[in-house]
Amino acid sequence: MPRWLFAAVATLVVGMASPALAQDPHVGTWKENLAKSKSTPAPTTPAPKSVTWKYEVADGNGLKLTIDTVGADGKLTTTTPYTAHVDGKDYPYLGSTAVDAIMLKRVDASSWE
């Protein structure tokens, strides 16, 4: 088999084997635009200096969210609320007193709930 054909087939096989989430538009690092963000009801604490959301592929068909917040006092806090599979089942949601589980379900190629 010619080297170029082997490379093409290997690339195709690896691409097919990689999880669908790897190409999900949500996966990546997102910096929140606090100037355009609104909170209802209005927060009772000072607004943070910055918030960064990082979505990563986890365990093949899973999604991990890590939130880095720099508070008004300049101190960094990091929370990892969840790692969950996109399979419609409940998974523990850490770091919240209001939420105890999260469920992720694929809606279409570019969105999930």
Protein backbone atom coordinates (compact mmCIF):
# COMPACT_ATOMS: atom_id res chain seq x y z
CA MET A 1 0.00 0.00 0.00
CA PRO A 2 1.44 3.42 -0.93
CA ARG A 3 2.45 5.58 2.04
CA TRP A 4 0.01 8.38 1.11
CA LEU A 5 -2.92 5.93 0.93
CA PHE A 6 -2.02 4.45 4.33
CA ALA A 7 -1.87 7.96 5.84
CA ALA A 8 -5.26 8.85 4.33
CA VAL A 9 -6.91 5.66 5.61
CA ALA A 10 -5.33 6.07 9.07
CA THR A 11 -6.56 9.66 9.26
CA LEU A 12 -10.08 8.61 8.24
CA VAL A 13 -10.19 5.78 10.81
CA VAL A 14 -8.92 8.01 13.62
CA GLY A 15 -11.40 10.71 12.63
CA MET A 16 -14.30 8.26 12.70
CA ALA A 17 -13.19 6.83 16.05
CA SER A 18 -12.94 10.20 17.78
CA PRO A 19 -15.99 11.20 19.81
CA ALA A 20 -18.68 13.38 18.27
CA LEU A 21 -18.15 15.92 21.06
CA ALA A 22 -14.60 16.60 19.90
CA GLN A 23 -16.05 18.64 17.03
CA ASP A 24 -18.91 20.11 19.05
CA PRO A 25 -18.98 23.92 18.79
CA HIS A 26 -19.49 24.13 22.57
CA VAL A 27 -16.13 22.48 23.33
CA GLY A 28 -13.53 25.12 24.01
CA THR A 29 -12.76 28.01 26.31
CA TRP A 30 -15.18 30.92 26.51
CA LYS A 31 -14.62 34.21 28.30
CA GLU A 32 -17.84 35.79 29.51
CA ASN A 33 -18.46 39.36 28.37
CA LEU A 34 -19.48 40.82 31.72
CA ALA A 35 -20.38 44.19 30.18
CA LYS A 36 -23.15 42.47 28.16
CA SER A 37 -24.17 39.93 30.83
CA LYS A 38 -27.35 40.43 32.81
CA SER A 39 -28.54 38.67 35.94
CA THR A 40 -32.13 38.46 37.09
CA PRO A 41 -32.66 39.14 39.91
CA ALA A 42 -29.75 41.55 40.29
CA PRO A 43 -26.85 39.99 42.23
CA THR A 44 -26.40 40.98 45.86
CA THR A 45 -22.61 40.60 45.68
CA PRO A 46 -20.12 42.65 43.63
CA ALA A 47 -19.74 41.52 40.02
CA PRO A 48 -16.66 39.39 39.30
CA LYS A 49 -13.74 40.80 37.34
CA SER A 50 -13.86 37.89 34.89
CA VAL A 51 -15.47 34.51 34.28
CA THR A 52 -14.03 31.85 31.96
CA TRP A 53 -16.00 28.74 31.00
CA LYS A 54 -14.03 25.73 29.74
CA TYR A 55 -15.87 22.81 28.13
CA GLU A 56 -13.80 19.67 27.49
CA VAL A 57 -14.46 16.20 26.12
CA ALA A 58 -14.32 13.71 29.01
CA ASP A 59 -14.46 9.92 29.02
CA GLY A 60 -15.22 9.62 25.30
CA ASN A 61 -18.85 10.77 25.19
CA GLY A 62 -18.73 13.05 28.22
CA LEU A 63 -18.53 16.76 28.73
CA LYS A 64 -16.65 18.45 31.58
CA LEU A 65 -17.26 22.05 32.57
CA THR A 66 -14.76 24.06 34.60
CA ILE A 67 -15.54 27.66 35.55
CA ASP A 68 -12.72 30.04 36.55
CA THR A 69 -13.97 33.19 38.25
CA VAL A 70 -11.84 36.15 39.30
CA GLY A 71 -13.85 37.87 41.98
CA ALA A 72 -14.20 41.60 42.55
CA ASP A 73 -11.39 41.21 45.13
CA GLY A 74 -9.03 39.81 42.44
CA LYS A 75 -8.92 36.28 43.89
CA LEU A 76 -9.28 33.32 41.52
CA THR A 77 -11.76 30.60 42.33
CA THR A 78 -12.16 27.49 40.20
CA THR A 79 -15.19 25.25 40.22
CA THR A 80 -15.90 22.08 38.30
CA PRO A 81 -19.66 21.70 38.52
CA TYR A 82 -19.94 18.56 36.39
CA THR A 83 -18.63 15.86 34.16
CA ALA A 84 -21.53 14.15 32.39
CA HIS A 85 -22.18 11.97 29.38
CA VAL A 86 -24.50 13.19 26.63
CA ASP A 87 -26.89 10.28 27.10
CA GLY A 88 -29.96 11.69 28.84
CA LYS A 89 -29.01 10.26 32.27
CA ASP A 90 -28.49 12.19 35.52
CA TYR A 91 -24.92 12.87 36.73
CA PRO A 92 -23.80 14.56 39.97
CA TYR A 93 -23.46 18.34 39.82
CA LEU A 94 -20.75 19.48 42.21
CA GLY A 95 -20.20 22.89 43.75
CA SER A 96 -23.82 23.98 44.02
CA THR A 97 -26.25 23.98 46.89
CA ALA A 98 -29.19 24.57 44.52
CA VAL A 99 -28.55 21.79 41.97
CA ASP A 100 -27.61 18.17 42.67
CA ALA A 101 -27.64 16.57 39.19
CA ILE A 102 -27.37 17.43 35.50
CA MET A 103 -28.62 15.64 32.39
CA LEU A 104 -27.23 16.32 28.90
CA LYS A 105 -29.07 15.33 25.73
CA ARG A 106 -28.10 15.94 22.09
CA VAL A 107 -30.68 18.06 20.26
CA ASP A 108 -28.92 18.32 16.89
CA ALA A 109 -25.42 18.55 15.44
CA SER A 110 -24.73 21.96 17.00
CA SER A 111 -26.81 21.99 20.18
CA TRP A 112 -27.65 20.01 23.28
CA GLU A 113 -29.75 20.53 26.37
